[in-house]
Amino acid sequence: ATAHIVGALDEAVGWLDGYHSKVQLVRERLQEELGNEKVLIVSQFNESFFLFPTRGMSDVFGDLGLQSPRSAEQYADNQSVTLAELALLDTDHLLLNIRQESESLQHWERIRTSVLWQDLKVVRRNRVHLISSDPWREYSAYAIERMVQDVYELLCDNRT
């Protein structure tokens, strides 16, 4: 609708076609690589973790057909969870954004060395994938494309 208003409908249609083609390819590759493995996208801010805290994160997750643990269904997008609650979600892959401000960084230093964090299955299997705020906390066509590429690189290119 916005593209129509600003006279850029052809460009928007072209971008959407390209995006859908790329998503389809990445989605097929993710299915081959992950099968039924579960994925969560989480942002750590101050002392809390937030599940799918941005619209872009949720949209890309859905577009790529990723599956979250069934137990995550009880939480709303952008709902905060404790480390103990995160442990109970029992995910196979964790895409983790650490907010880059002093209180969050200090808390992250404490968490990542804690016994509870170290005992998470996803940590023991080395399947925590750090993601940056750019593009993951932005919502634009360019950011969405970069998120899809990040997911591909993190979950397909770097399989251990």
Foldseek 3Di string as FASTA:
>chain_A
DVCVVVVNVVVVVVLVVVVLVLLVVLLVLLCVQPVQFAEWEWEFDQQWIFTQAAPLSVVLCVSSVHHFQPVCVVDDGRDTDHLVVVLVSQGQAYAYEQDPDDNSVVNCVVQCPDPSNCPRPNNVVVRYHYDYVVVSVDDDSVSSSVVSVVCCCSRRVDDD
